[in-house]
N, C-alpha and C. Protein backbone atom coordinates (compact mmCIF):
# COMPACT_ATOMS: atom_id res chain seq x y z
N MET A 1 3.80 3.89 -21.36
CA MET A 1 3.03 3.53 -20.23
C MET A 1 1.83 2.77 -20.72
N ILE A 2 1.26 1.88 -19.81
CA ILE A 2 0.18 1.12 -20.09
C ILE A 2 -1.07 1.94 -20.08
N LYS A 3 -1.99 1.76 -21.06
CA LYS A 3 -3.28 2.43 -21.08
C LYS A 3 -4.34 1.46 -20.83
N GLU A 4 -4.52 1.10 -19.58
CA GLU A 4 -5.51 0.17 -19.16
C GLU A 4 -6.46 0.92 -18.25
N PRO A 5 -7.71 0.95 -18.54
CA PRO A 5 -8.71 1.79 -17.68
C PRO A 5 -8.76 1.38 -16.26
N THR A 6 -8.65 0.06 -15.95
CA THR A 6 -8.66 -0.38 -14.67
C THR A 6 -7.49 0.11 -13.89
N LEU A 7 -6.34 0.04 -14.49
CA LEU A 7 -5.07 0.46 -13.88
C LEU A 7 -5.09 1.95 -13.62
N GLU A 8 -5.61 2.70 -14.62
CA GLU A 8 -5.76 4.13 -14.48
C GLU A 8 -6.55 4.52 -13.26
N VAL A 9 -7.65 3.82 -13.01
CA VAL A 9 -8.51 4.12 -11.85
C VAL A 9 -7.69 3.81 -10.56
N ILE A 10 -7.04 2.71 -10.45
CA ILE A 10 -6.19 2.31 -9.34
C ILE A 10 -5.11 3.39 -9.13
N TRP A 11 -4.44 3.81 -10.16
CA TRP A 11 -3.36 4.80 -10.00
C TRP A 11 -3.83 6.16 -9.55
N GLU A 12 -5.09 6.57 -10.07
CA GLU A 12 -5.63 7.81 -9.69
C GLU A 12 -6.03 7.75 -8.14
N ALA A 13 -6.55 6.63 -7.67
CA ALA A 13 -6.93 6.47 -6.28
C ALA A 13 -5.67 6.53 -5.44
N ARG A 14 -4.64 5.91 -5.80
CA ARG A 14 -3.28 6.06 -5.07
C ARG A 14 -2.82 7.37 -5.08
N ARG A 15 -2.93 8.14 -6.19
CA ARG A 15 -2.50 9.56 -6.27
C ARG A 15 -3.23 10.40 -5.22
N ARG A 16 -4.62 10.15 -5.16
CA ARG A 16 -5.48 10.93 -4.17
C ARG A 16 -5.13 10.56 -2.77
N ILE A 17 -4.90 9.35 -2.51
CA ILE A 17 -4.52 8.93 -1.14
C ILE A 17 -3.18 9.55 -0.71
N TYR A 18 -2.21 9.57 -1.61
CA TYR A 18 -0.90 10.12 -1.31
C TYR A 18 -1.03 11.63 -1.09
N ALA A 19 -1.80 12.34 -1.91
CA ALA A 19 -2.01 13.74 -1.80
C ALA A 19 -2.71 14.06 -0.42
N LYS A 20 -3.65 13.14 -0.10
CA LYS A 20 -4.35 13.36 1.23
C LYS A 20 -3.36 13.22 2.42
N CYS A 21 -2.24 12.45 2.25
CA CYS A 21 -1.15 12.39 3.23
C CYS A 21 -0.06 13.51 2.97
N ASP A 22 -0.41 14.54 2.36
CA ASP A 22 0.52 15.60 2.01
C ASP A 22 1.84 15.16 1.28
N ASN A 23 1.65 14.13 0.47
CA ASN A 23 2.74 13.60 -0.36
C ASN A 23 3.89 13.23 0.56
N ASP A 24 3.63 12.76 1.78
CA ASP A 24 4.68 12.44 2.76
C ASP A 24 4.65 10.91 2.87
N PRO A 25 5.70 10.24 2.51
CA PRO A 25 5.79 8.70 2.58
C PRO A 25 5.53 8.22 3.99
N VAL A 26 5.99 8.96 5.12
CA VAL A 26 5.79 8.43 6.40
C VAL A 26 4.31 8.48 6.78
N LYS A 27 3.57 9.57 6.38
CA LYS A 27 2.24 9.72 6.62
C LYS A 27 1.44 8.62 5.82
N LEU A 28 1.94 8.35 4.65
CA LEU A 28 1.24 7.36 3.89
C LEU A 28 1.29 6.00 4.47
N VAL A 29 2.39 5.62 5.03
CA VAL A 29 2.55 4.31 5.64
C VAL A 29 1.66 4.29 6.85
N GLN A 30 1.67 5.37 7.65
CA GLN A 30 0.78 5.49 8.87
C GLN A 30 -0.70 5.30 8.44
N TYR A 31 -1.05 5.96 7.30
CA TYR A 31 -2.45 5.82 6.81
C TYR A 31 -2.72 4.43 6.57
N TYR A 32 -1.93 3.69 5.84
CA TYR A 32 -2.24 2.28 5.53
C TYR A 32 -2.15 1.34 6.77
N ILE A 33 -1.34 1.68 7.77
CA ILE A 33 -1.33 0.98 9.03
C ILE A 33 -2.67 1.08 9.76
N GLU A 34 -3.13 2.40 9.85
CA GLU A 34 -4.39 2.61 10.43
C GLU A 34 -5.59 1.91 9.65
N ARG A 35 -5.59 1.98 8.34
CA ARG A 35 -6.61 1.35 7.56
C ARG A 35 -6.58 -0.13 7.87
N GLN A 36 -5.41 -0.75 7.99
CA GLN A 36 -5.31 -2.18 8.24
C GLN A 36 -5.83 -2.55 9.61
N LYS A 37 -5.66 -1.69 10.60
CA LYS A 37 -6.19 -1.87 11.94
C LYS A 37 -7.72 -1.76 11.91
N GLU A 38 -8.26 -0.88 11.13
CA GLU A 38 -9.69 -0.65 11.03
C GLU A 38 -10.43 -1.75 10.25
N ASN A 39 -9.73 -2.43 9.37
CA ASN A 39 -10.27 -3.44 8.43
C ASN A 39 -9.43 -4.64 8.35
N PRO A 40 -9.09 -5.29 9.48
CA PRO A 40 -8.07 -6.40 9.32
C PRO A 40 -8.57 -7.53 8.43
N GLU A 41 -9.91 -7.62 8.19
CA GLU A 41 -10.34 -8.76 7.33
C GLU A 41 -10.00 -8.50 5.78
N ARG A 42 -9.72 -7.29 5.45
CA ARG A 42 -9.44 -6.88 4.12
C ARG A 42 -7.94 -7.10 3.80
N PHE A 43 -7.10 -7.55 4.79
CA PHE A 43 -5.69 -7.72 4.53
C PHE A 43 -5.28 -9.11 4.89
N ILE A 44 -4.45 -9.70 4.05
CA ILE A 44 -3.97 -11.02 4.27
C ILE A 44 -2.64 -10.96 4.96
N SER A 45 -2.51 -11.73 6.04
CA SER A 45 -1.22 -11.70 6.72
C SER A 45 -0.62 -13.14 6.59
N SER A 46 0.69 -13.19 6.33
CA SER A 46 1.38 -14.40 6.35
C SER A 46 2.69 -14.26 7.00
N PRO A 47 3.17 -15.23 7.72
CA PRO A 47 4.43 -15.04 8.40
C PRO A 47 5.61 -14.87 7.33
N ILE A 48 6.50 -13.97 7.70
CA ILE A 48 7.69 -13.69 6.92
C ILE A 48 8.75 -14.63 7.33
N THR A 49 9.25 -15.42 6.48
CA THR A 49 10.39 -16.34 6.82
C THR A 49 11.63 -15.71 6.22
N TYR A 50 12.71 -15.75 6.99
CA TYR A 50 13.93 -15.23 6.55
C TYR A 50 14.99 -16.34 6.42
N LYS A 51 15.51 -16.48 5.20
CA LYS A 51 16.54 -17.52 5.01
C LYS A 51 17.86 -16.81 4.59
N PRO A 52 18.85 -16.79 5.46
CA PRO A 52 20.06 -16.13 5.15
C PRO A 52 20.74 -16.79 3.92
N HIS A 53 21.38 -15.95 3.08
CA HIS A 53 22.06 -16.47 1.96
C HIS A 53 23.44 -17.11 2.38
N LYS A 54 23.62 -18.25 1.91
CA LYS A 54 24.88 -18.98 2.26
C LYS A 54 25.89 -18.78 1.10
N ASN A 55 27.05 -18.40 1.55
CA ASN A 55 28.12 -18.12 0.63
C ASN A 55 28.86 -19.40 0.22
């Protein structure tokens, strides 16, 4: 595993957020959706384009 102090801080923050959401992935997604609504300027949105794969 990488021993980078900056990454360790980020990973620990993610662990705390996940624990705050009872380690429930659905609650985690809801948490991030709410955070995005509260702080839209902190998130970058770009349109998703779908290109079907041609056989």
